[in-house]
């Protein structure tokens, strides 16, 4: 069967070439109109709240800043889960929202709650701030160049939660 197909294709090679050209043109026309994203955004809807509390230990940051802020974010519409990290002088809270929640609306709701929370008014604590949107964030790090004495910044696009080394 394959021998007869090959023999027919060799005998009618002009028609085979025309058929392949039409097929390739049709597939190219379909491929041009496909609505695909080369690098889809697979991150969840996240809002990160950063609060500096200079001079406080992680336990004090947890008690005075992180817990009151987490409590104030409870009950936000579409809130899926809350993660937090308390370090020396820093509280980082990540609020994860459902996929159907608009990210700008979620950031607005978080900003409203930040303004009225008890953790934002703790003594010796700077007001909390919302980190930039992670969907299109770019992080710049400074690295020394072997040719020059001055450090040269190198930027990379990132959607990870890793913070630059200090």
N, C-alpha and C. Protein backbone atom coordinates (compact mmCIF):
# COMPACT_ATOMS: atom_id res chain seq x y z
N UNK A 1 0.83 -1.19 0.00
CA UNK A 1 0.00 0.00 0.00
C UNK A 1 0.87 1.26 0.00
N UNK A 2 1.92 1.24 0.81
CA UNK A 2 2.80 2.41 0.87
C UNK A 2 3.55 2.56 -0.45
N UNK A 3 3.91 1.43 -1.06
CA UNK A 3 4.62 1.49 -2.34
C UNK A 3 3.75 2.15 -3.41
N UNK A 4 2.48 1.81 -3.42
CA UNK A 4 1.58 2.39 -4.43
C UNK A 4 1.37 3.89 -4.17
N UNK A 5 1.33 4.29 -2.88
CA UNK A 5 1.18 5.71 -2.54
C UNK A 5 2.41 6.51 -2.96
N UNK A 6 3.58 5.95 -2.73
CA UNK A 6 4.83 6.62 -3.12
C UNK A 6 4.92 6.70 -4.64
N UNK A 7 4.58 5.62 -5.33
CA UNK A 7 4.62 5.61 -6.79
C UNK A 7 3.65 6.65 -7.37
N UNK A 8 2.45 6.74 -6.82
CA UNK A 8 1.46 7.73 -7.28
C UNK A 8 1.97 9.15 -7.02
N UNK A 9 2.59 9.40 -5.82
CA UNK A 9 3.11 10.73 -5.48
C UNK A 9 4.24 11.14 -6.41
N UNK A 10 5.08 10.19 -6.79
CA UNK A 10 6.20 10.48 -7.70
C UNK A 10 5.65 10.76 -9.10
N UNK A 11 4.65 10.02 -9.50
CA UNK A 11 4.08 10.21 -10.83
C UNK A 11 3.33 11.53 -10.94
N UNK A 12 2.66 11.94 -9.89
CA UNK A 12 1.87 13.18 -9.90
C UNK A 12 2.51 14.22 -8.97
N UNK A 13 3.80 14.40 -9.05
CA UNK A 13 4.50 15.28 -8.10
C UNK A 13 4.02 16.72 -8.19
N UNK A 14 3.58 17.21 -9.30
CA UNK A 14 3.06 18.58 -9.44
C UNK A 14 1.83 18.78 -8.57
N UNK A 15 0.88 17.80 -8.64
CA UNK A 15 -0.32 17.88 -7.81
C UNK A 15 0.00 17.76 -6.32
N UNK A 16 0.98 16.95 -5.99
CA UNK A 16 1.38 16.79 -4.59
C UNK A 16 1.96 18.10 -4.06
N UNK A 17 2.79 18.77 -4.87
CA UNK A 17 3.36 20.05 -4.45
C UNK A 17 2.29 21.12 -4.29
N UNK A 18 1.33 21.15 -5.19
CA UNK A 18 0.23 22.12 -5.07
C UNK A 18 -0.60 21.83 -3.82
N UNK A 19 -0.89 20.56 -3.57
CA UNK A 19 -1.65 20.19 -2.38
C UNK A 19 -0.91 20.60 -1.11
N UNK A 20 0.39 20.35 -1.04
CA UNK A 20 1.17 20.74 0.14
C UNK A 20 1.23 22.26 0.29
N UNK A 21 1.35 23.01 -0.81
CA UNK A 21 1.39 24.47 -0.75
C UNK A 21 0.06 25.02 -0.23
N UNK A 22 -1.08 24.46 -0.71
CA UNK A 22 -2.38 24.90 -0.22
C UNK A 22 -2.55 24.56 1.26
N UNK A 23 -2.11 23.40 1.65
CA UNK A 23 -2.20 22.99 3.05
C UNK A 23 -1.35 23.90 3.94
N UNK A 24 -0.15 24.21 3.50
CA UNK A 24 0.74 25.09 4.28
C UNK A 24 0.15 26.50 4.38
N UNK A 25 -0.42 27.02 3.28
CA UNK A 25 -1.02 28.35 3.30
C UNK A 25 -2.23 28.39 4.23
N UNK A 26 -3.05 27.35 4.20
CA UNK A 26 -4.20 27.29 5.10
C UNK A 26 -3.79 27.23 6.56
N UNK A 27 -2.80 26.43 6.87
CA UNK A 27 -2.33 26.33 8.25
C UNK A 27 -1.68 27.63 8.72
N UNK A 28 -0.97 28.31 7.82
CA UNK A 28 -0.37 29.59 8.17
C UNK A 28 -1.45 30.63 8.46
N UNK A 29 -2.51 30.64 7.67
CA UNK A 29 -3.62 31.58 7.91
C UNK A 29 -4.29 31.30 9.25
N UNK A 30 -4.44 30.05 9.60
CA UNK A 30 -5.03 29.70 10.89
C UNK A 30 -4.10 30.10 12.03
N UNK A 31 -2.80 29.85 11.86
CA UNK A 31 -1.84 30.15 12.93
C UNK A 31 -1.74 31.64 13.20
N UNK A 32 -1.89 32.46 12.18
CA UNK A 32 -1.79 33.91 12.37
C UNK A 32 -2.96 34.42 13.21
N UNK A 33 -4.11 33.82 13.10
CA UNK A 33 -5.30 34.30 13.81
C UNK A 33 -5.50 33.65 15.18
N UNK A 34 -4.61 32.76 15.58
CA UNK A 34 -4.72 32.15 16.91
C UNK A 34 -4.42 33.19 17.98
N UNK A 35 -5.18 33.18 19.04
CA UNK A 35 -4.98 34.11 20.14
C UNK A 35 -4.25 33.37 21.27
N UNK A 36 -2.94 33.29 21.14
CA UNK A 36 -2.11 32.63 22.13
C UNK A 36 -1.14 33.63 22.74
N UNK A 37 -0.84 33.43 24.01
CA UNK A 37 0.16 34.25 24.68
C UNK A 37 1.41 33.40 24.81
N UNK A 38 2.54 33.96 24.40
CA UNK A 38 3.78 33.20 24.43
C UNK A 38 4.18 32.86 25.87
N UNK A 39 4.02 33.80 26.78
CA UNK A 39 4.36 33.59 28.18
C UNK A 39 3.15 33.94 29.04
N UNK A 40 2.24 33.01 29.22
CA UNK A 40 1.05 33.33 30.01
C UNK A 40 1.41 33.60 31.47
N UNK A 41 0.66 34.48 32.09
CA UNK A 41 0.86 34.80 33.50
C UNK A 41 0.16 33.74 34.33
N UNK A 42 0.95 32.89 34.99
CA UNK A 42 0.38 31.79 35.76
C UNK A 42 0.34 32.09 37.25
N UNK A 43 0.76 33.29 37.64
CA UNK A 43 0.73 33.63 39.06
C UNK A 43 -0.70 33.90 39.50
N UNK A 44 -0.96 33.68 40.75
CA UNK A 44 -2.28 33.95 41.29
C UNK A 44 -2.41 35.45 41.58
N UNK A 45 -3.63 35.88 41.85
CA UNK A 45 -3.86 37.29 42.21
C UNK A 45 -3.33 37.52 43.62
N UNK A 46 -2.23 38.23 43.71
CA UNK A 46 -1.59 38.46 45.00
C UNK A 46 -1.38 39.95 45.23
N UNK A 47 -1.57 40.35 46.48
CA UNK A 47 -1.23 41.70 46.91
C UNK A 47 -0.29 41.54 48.09
N UNK A 48 0.85 42.20 48.02
CA UNK A 48 1.82 42.09 49.10
C UNK A 48 1.87 43.40 49.86
N UNK A 49 1.80 43.30 51.20
CA UNK A 49 1.84 44.46 52.07
C UNK A 49 3.15 44.41 52.86
N UNK A 50 3.95 45.45 52.74
CA UNK A 50 5.23 45.53 53.43
C UNK A 50 5.18 46.65 54.46
N UNK A 51 5.62 46.35 55.68
CA UNK A 51 5.64 47.34 56.75
C UNK A 51 7.00 47.30 57.43
N UNK A 52 7.65 48.46 57.49
CA UNK A 52 8.94 48.54 58.18
C UNK A 52 8.70 48.93 59.63
N UNK A 53 9.40 48.22 60.52
CA UNK A 53 9.33 48.49 61.95
C UNK A 53 10.76 48.46 62.50
N UNK A 54 11.51 49.54 62.28
CA UNK A 54 12.93 49.53 62.64
C UNK A 54 13.14 49.27 64.14
N UNK A 55 14.11 48.42 64.43
CA UNK A 55 14.48 48.16 65.81
C UNK A 55 13.65 47.11 66.52
N UNK A 56 12.69 46.51 65.87
CA UNK A 56 11.85 45.50 66.52
C UNK A 56 12.32 44.10 66.15
N UNK A 57 12.25 43.20 67.13
CA UNK A 57 12.59 41.81 66.87
C UNK A 57 11.45 41.14 66.10
N UNK A 58 11.70 39.96 65.52
CA UNK A 58 10.62 39.28 64.79
C UNK A 58 9.38 39.01 65.65
N UNK A 59 9.57 38.69 66.94
CA UNK A 59 8.42 38.45 67.81
C UNK A 59 7.61 39.72 68.01
N UNK A 60 8.31 40.85 68.22
CA UNK A 60 7.61 42.12 68.39
C UNK A 60 6.91 42.55 67.10
N UNK A 61 7.55 42.32 65.96
CA UNK A 61 6.92 42.65 64.68
C UNK A 61 5.67 41.81 64.49
N UNK A 62 5.75 40.53 64.85
CA UNK A 62 4.59 39.64 64.72
C UNK A 62 3.44 40.12 65.59
N UNK A 63 3.72 40.48 66.86
CA UNK A 63 2.66 40.88 67.80
C UNK A 63 2.10 42.25 67.50
N UNK A 64 2.96 43.22 67.20
CA UNK A 64 2.51 44.61 67.07
C UNK A 64 2.06 44.98 65.66
N UNK A 65 2.60 44.30 64.65
CA UNK A 65 2.32 44.73 63.27
C UNK A 65 1.59 43.65 62.47
N UNK A 66 2.20 42.47 62.37
CA UNK A 66 1.68 41.45 61.45
C UNK A 66 0.29 40.95 61.86
N UNK A 67 0.13 40.55 63.11
CA UNK A 67 -1.18 40.01 63.53
C UNK A 67 -2.31 41.03 63.43
N UNK A 68 -2.11 42.29 63.90
CA UNK A 68 -3.21 43.26 63.72
C UNK A 68 -3.55 43.52 62.25
N UNK A 69 -2.52 43.57 61.39
CA UNK A 69 -2.80 43.77 59.97
C UNK A 69 -3.53 42.57 59.38
N UNK A 70 -3.08 41.36 59.71
CA UNK A 70 -3.77 40.16 59.21
C UNK A 70 -5.23 40.14 59.65
N UNK A 71 -5.48 40.52 60.90
CA UNK A 71 -6.86 40.54 61.40
C UNK A 71 -7.70 41.57 60.66
N UNK A 72 -7.10 42.69 60.28
CA UNK A 72 -7.87 43.72 59.57
C UNK A 72 -8.20 43.29 58.14
N UNK A 73 -7.40 42.40 57.56
CA UNK A 73 -7.66 41.94 56.20
C UNK A 73 -8.69 40.81 56.15
N UNK A 74 -9.05 40.26 57.29
CA UNK A 74 -10.03 39.18 57.32
C UNK A 74 -11.37 39.64 56.79
N UNK A 75 -12.01 38.80 56.00
CA UNK A 75 -13.33 39.11 55.46
C UNK A 75 -13.32 39.89 54.16
N UNK A 76 -12.15 40.12 53.58
CA UNK A 76 -12.13 40.79 52.27
C UNK A 76 -12.80 39.89 51.24
N UNK A 77 -13.62 40.47 50.35
CA UNK A 77 -14.30 39.64 49.35
C UNK A 77 -13.31 38.98 48.40
N UNK A 78 -13.43 37.67 48.23
CA UNK A 78 -12.57 36.94 47.31
C UNK A 78 -11.22 36.55 47.88
N UNK A 79 -10.97 36.80 49.15
CA UNK A 79 -9.69 36.46 49.76
C UNK A 79 -9.59 34.95 49.93
N UNK A 80 -8.55 34.36 49.34
CA UNK A 80 -8.37 32.91 49.39
C UNK A 80 -7.53 32.51 50.60
N UNK A 81 -6.34 33.07 50.75
CA UNK A 81 -5.53 32.79 51.92
C UNK A 81 -4.56 33.93 52.19
N UNK A 82 -3.98 33.91 53.39
CA UNK A 82 -3.06 34.96 53.84
C UNK A 82 -1.78 34.28 54.31
N UNK A 83 -0.64 34.78 53.82
CA UNK A 83 0.66 34.30 54.27
C UNK A 83 1.43 35.49 54.81
N UNK A 84 2.22 35.26 55.85
CA UNK A 84 2.99 36.38 56.41
C UNK A 84 4.37 35.92 56.81
N UNK A 85 5.26 36.90 56.91
CA UNK A 85 6.63 36.67 57.30
C UNK A 85 7.08 37.85 58.14
N UNK A 86 7.56 37.58 59.34
CA UNK A 86 8.03 38.64 60.22
C UNK A 86 9.53 38.47 60.42
N UNK A 87 10.27 39.49 60.06
CA UNK A 87 11.73 39.49 60.21
C UNK A 87 12.12 40.66 61.09
N UNK A 88 13.41 40.82 61.34
CA UNK A 88 13.89 41.96 62.11
C UNK A 88 13.52 43.24 61.36
N UNK A 89 12.61 44.00 61.92
CA UNK A 89 12.24 45.29 61.37
C UNK A 89 11.38 45.25 60.12
N UNK A 90 10.82 44.10 59.77
CA UNK A 90 10.03 44.01 58.54
C UNK A 90 8.89 43.01 58.69
N UNK A 91 7.71 43.43 58.25
CA UNK A 91 6.56 42.54 58.17
C UNK A 91 6.12 42.46 56.72
N UNK A 92 6.05 41.25 56.19
CA UNK A 92 5.61 41.04 54.81
C UNK A 92 4.38 40.13 54.83
N UNK A 93 3.27 40.65 54.35
CA UNK A 93 2.01 39.89 54.31
C UNK A 93 1.61 39.74 52.85
N UNK A 94 1.34 38.50 52.44
CA UNK A 94 0.90 38.22 51.08
C UNK A 94 -0.55 37.76 51.13
N UNK A 95 -1.42 38.50 50.45
CA UNK A 95 -2.84 38.18 50.38
C UNK A 95 -3.12 37.57 49.01
N UNK A 96 -3.62 36.36 48.99
CA UNK A 96 -3.91 35.67 47.74
C UNK A 96 -5.42 35.69 47.52
N UNK A 97 -5.84 36.19 46.37
CA UNK A 97 -7.26 36.32 46.04
C UNK A 97 -7.65 35.28 44.99
N UNK A 98 -8.95 35.02 44.90
CA UNK A 98 -9.46 34.10 43.89
C UNK A 98 -9.15 34.63 42.49
N UNK A 99 -9.15 33.73 41.51
CA UNK A 99 -8.79 34.10 40.14
C UNK A 99 -9.79 35.08 39.51
N UNK A 100 -11.06 35.04 39.93
CA UNK A 100 -12.06 35.90 39.31
C UNK A 100 -12.08 37.31 39.91
N UNK A 101 -11.25 37.59 40.91
CA UNK A 101 -11.20 38.91 41.53
C UNK A 101 -10.26 39.80 40.71
N UNK A 102 -10.73 41.00 40.39
CA UNK A 102 -9.91 41.96 39.67
C UNK A 102 -8.76 42.42 40.57
N UNK A 103 -7.53 42.37 40.06
CA UNK A 103 -6.36 42.69 40.88
C UNK A 103 -6.37 44.14 41.35
N UNK A 104 -6.80 45.06 40.50
CA UNK A 104 -6.85 46.47 40.91
C UNK A 104 -7.89 46.69 42.01
N UNK A 105 -9.01 45.99 41.92
CA UNK A 105 -10.03 46.08 42.97
C UNK A 105 -9.50 45.50 44.28
N UNK A 106 -8.79 44.39 44.20
CA UNK A 106 -8.21 43.79 45.40
C UNK A 106 -7.20 44.73 46.04
N UNK A 107 -6.37 45.39 45.24
CA UNK A 107 -5.39 46.33 45.78
C UNK A 107 -6.09 47.52 46.45
N UNK A 108 -7.20 47.96 45.87
CA UNK A 108 -7.96 49.07 46.46
C UNK A 108 -8.55 48.66 47.81
N UNK A 109 -9.12 47.47 47.89
CA UNK A 109 -9.68 46.99 49.15
C UNK A 109 -8.61 46.86 50.22
N UNK A 110 -7.43 46.36 49.84
CA UNK A 110 -6.33 46.21 50.79
C UNK A 110 -5.87 47.58 51.26
N UNK A 111 -5.78 48.55 50.36
CA UNK A 111 -5.34 49.90 50.74
C UNK A 111 -6.33 50.54 51.72
N UNK A 112 -7.62 50.30 51.51
CA UNK A 112 -8.62 50.84 52.44
C UNK A 112 -8.48 50.22 53.83
N UNK A 113 -8.23 48.93 53.88
CA UNK A 113 -8.07 48.26 55.18
C UNK A 113 -6.76 48.67 55.86
N UNK A 114 -5.71 48.90 55.06
CA UNK A 114 -4.43 49.32 55.64
C UNK A 114 -4.56 50.66 56.35
N UNK A 115 -5.36 51.54 55.79
CA UNK A 115 -5.49 52.89 56.34
C UNK A 115 -6.16 52.88 57.71
N UNK A 116 -6.98 51.89 57.98
CA UNK A 116 -7.74 51.88 59.24
C UNK A 116 -7.29 50.82 60.23
N UNK A 117 -6.24 50.07 59.92
CA UNK A 117 -5.85 48.96 60.80
C UNK A 117 -5.03 49.43 61.99
N UNK A 118 -5.08 48.64 63.06
CA UNK A 118 -4.34 48.96 64.29
C UNK A 118 -2.85 48.75 64.08
N UNK A 119 -2.45 47.80 63.25
CA UNK A 119 -1.04 47.55 62.99
C UNK A 119 -0.36 48.71 62.30
N UNK A 120 -1.14 49.48 61.55
CA UNK A 120 -0.57 50.64 60.86
C UNK A 120 -0.30 51.78 61.82
N UNK A 121 -0.96 51.77 62.99
CA UNK A 121 -0.80 52.87 63.94
C UNK A 121 0.07 52.51 65.13
N UNK A 122 0.76 51.37 65.08
CA UNK A 122 1.63 50.97 66.18
C UNK A 122 2.78 51.96 66.32
N UNK A 123 3.24 52.16 67.55
CA UNK A 123 4.29 53.14 67.79
C UNK A 123 5.62 52.65 67.23
N UNK A 124 6.34 53.57 66.59
CA UNK A 124 7.64 53.25 66.01
C UNK A 124 7.58 52.46 64.72
N UNK A 125 6.40 52.38 64.11
CA UNK A 125 6.22 51.60 62.89
C UNK A 125 5.85 52.55 61.75
N UNK A 126 6.52 52.38 60.62
CA UNK A 126 6.19 53.17 59.45
C UNK A 126 4.86 52.70 58.87
N UNK A 127 4.14 53.57 58.18
CA UNK A 127 2.86 53.14 57.59
C UNK A 127 3.08 52.01 56.59
N UNK A 128 2.18 51.03 56.55
CA UNK A 128 2.36 49.94 55.58
C UNK A 128 2.19 50.43 54.16
N UNK A 129 2.85 49.73 53.24
CA UNK A 129 2.72 50.07 51.83
C UNK A 129 2.48 48.80 51.04
N UNK A 130 1.77 48.96 49.95
CA UNK A 130 1.50 47.83 49.07
C UNK A 130 2.62 47.75 48.05
N UNK A 131 3.18 46.57 47.89
CA UNK A 131 4.27 46.38 46.94
C UNK A 131 3.73 46.51 45.52
N UNK A 132 4.58 46.82 44.55
CA UNK A 132 4.12 46.92 43.17
C UNK A 132 3.51 45.61 42.69
N UNK A 133 2.66 45.71 41.69
CA UNK A 133 2.00 44.54 41.14
C UNK A 133 3.05 43.55 40.65
N UNK A 134 2.85 42.26 40.95
CA UNK A 134 3.85 41.26 40.60
C UNK A 134 3.68 40.77 39.17
N UNK A 135 2.60 41.10 38.53
CA UNK A 135 2.38 40.59 37.18
C UNK A 135 3.40 41.15 36.20
N UNK A 136 3.81 42.36 36.39
CA UNK A 136 4.77 42.98 35.47
C UNK A 136 5.89 43.64 36.24
N UNK A 137 6.44 42.94 37.21
CA UNK A 137 7.48 43.56 38.01
C UNK A 137 8.85 43.26 37.42
N UNK A 138 9.73 44.19 37.59
CA UNK A 138 11.11 44.01 37.17
C UNK A 138 11.99 44.37 38.35
N UNK A 139 12.94 43.54 38.63
CA UNK A 139 13.84 43.79 39.76
C UNK A 139 15.21 44.14 39.21
N UNK A 140 15.82 45.15 39.80
CA UNK A 140 17.16 45.56 39.40
C UNK A 140 18.12 45.28 40.53
N UNK A 141 19.22 44.64 40.20
CA UNK A 141 20.25 44.35 41.18
C UNK A 141 21.53 45.06 40.73
N UNK A 142 22.34 45.44 41.67
CA UNK A 142 23.60 46.08 41.35
C UNK A 142 24.71 45.06 41.52
N UNK A 143 25.48 44.88 40.45
CA UNK A 143 26.60 43.95 40.51
C UNK A 143 27.85 44.65 40.03
N UNK A 144 28.99 44.38 40.64
CA UNK A 144 30.21 45.03 40.20
C UNK A 144 30.65 44.51 38.84
N UNK A 145 31.15 45.41 38.02
CA UNK A 145 31.63 45.06 36.71
C UNK A 145 33.14 44.82 36.79
N UNK A 146 33.67 43.80 36.10
CA UNK A 146 35.11 43.57 36.18
C UNK A 146 35.92 44.67 35.49
N UNK A 147 35.33 45.38 34.53
CA UNK A 147 36.05 46.42 33.81
C UNK A 147 35.98 47.78 34.48
N UNK A 148 34.88 48.07 35.14
CA UNK A 148 34.69 49.38 35.75
C UNK A 148 34.69 49.27 37.26
N UNK A 149 35.02 50.37 37.89
CA UNK A 149 35.00 50.40 39.36
C UNK A 149 33.58 50.57 39.88
N UNK A 150 32.75 51.35 39.19
CA UNK A 150 31.39 51.61 39.66
C UNK A 150 30.50 50.41 39.37
N UNK A 151 29.55 50.10 40.28
CA UNK A 151 28.65 48.97 40.03
C UNK A 151 27.72 49.27 38.86
N UNK A 152 27.39 48.22 38.12
CA UNK A 152 26.51 48.34 36.97
C UNK A 152 25.21 47.60 37.27
N UNK A 153 24.04 48.28 37.12
CA UNK A 153 22.78 47.58 37.40
C UNK A 153 22.45 46.59 36.30
N UNK A 154 21.91 45.47 36.68
CA UNK A 154 21.41 44.50 35.73
C UNK A 154 19.97 44.20 36.11
N UNK A 155 19.08 44.40 35.16
CA UNK A 155 17.65 44.24 35.42
C UNK A 155 17.18 42.92 34.86
N UNK A 156 16.28 42.30 35.56
CA UNK A 156 15.68 41.06 35.07
C UNK A 156 14.21 41.09 35.43
N UNK A 157 13.41 40.61 34.52
CA UNK A 157 11.98 40.54 34.78
C UNK A 157 11.73 39.35 35.67
N UNK A 158 10.88 39.53 36.69
CA UNK A 158 10.68 38.47 37.67
C UNK A 158 9.26 38.51 38.20
N UNK A 159 8.72 37.33 38.48
CA UNK A 159 7.43 37.26 39.18
C UNK A 159 7.57 36.43 40.44
N UNK A 160 8.81 36.24 40.88
CA UNK A 160 9.02 35.48 42.11
C UNK A 160 9.02 36.42 43.28
N UNK A 161 8.92 35.89 44.46
CA UNK A 161 8.86 36.71 45.65
C UNK A 161 10.23 36.90 46.28
N UNK A 162 11.29 36.53 45.60
CA UNK A 162 12.63 36.68 46.16
C UNK A 162 12.99 38.16 46.21
N UNK A 163 13.53 38.59 47.30
CA UNK A 163 13.90 39.99 47.44
C UNK A 163 15.39 40.13 47.17
N UNK A 164 15.83 41.32 46.73
CA UNK A 164 17.23 41.50 46.41
C UNK A 164 18.08 41.39 47.66
N UNK A 165 19.31 40.88 47.50
CA UNK A 165 20.18 40.75 48.66
C UNK A 165 20.56 42.11 49.20
N UNK A 166 20.69 42.20 50.54
CA UNK A 166 21.03 43.49 51.11
C UNK A 166 22.44 43.50 51.63
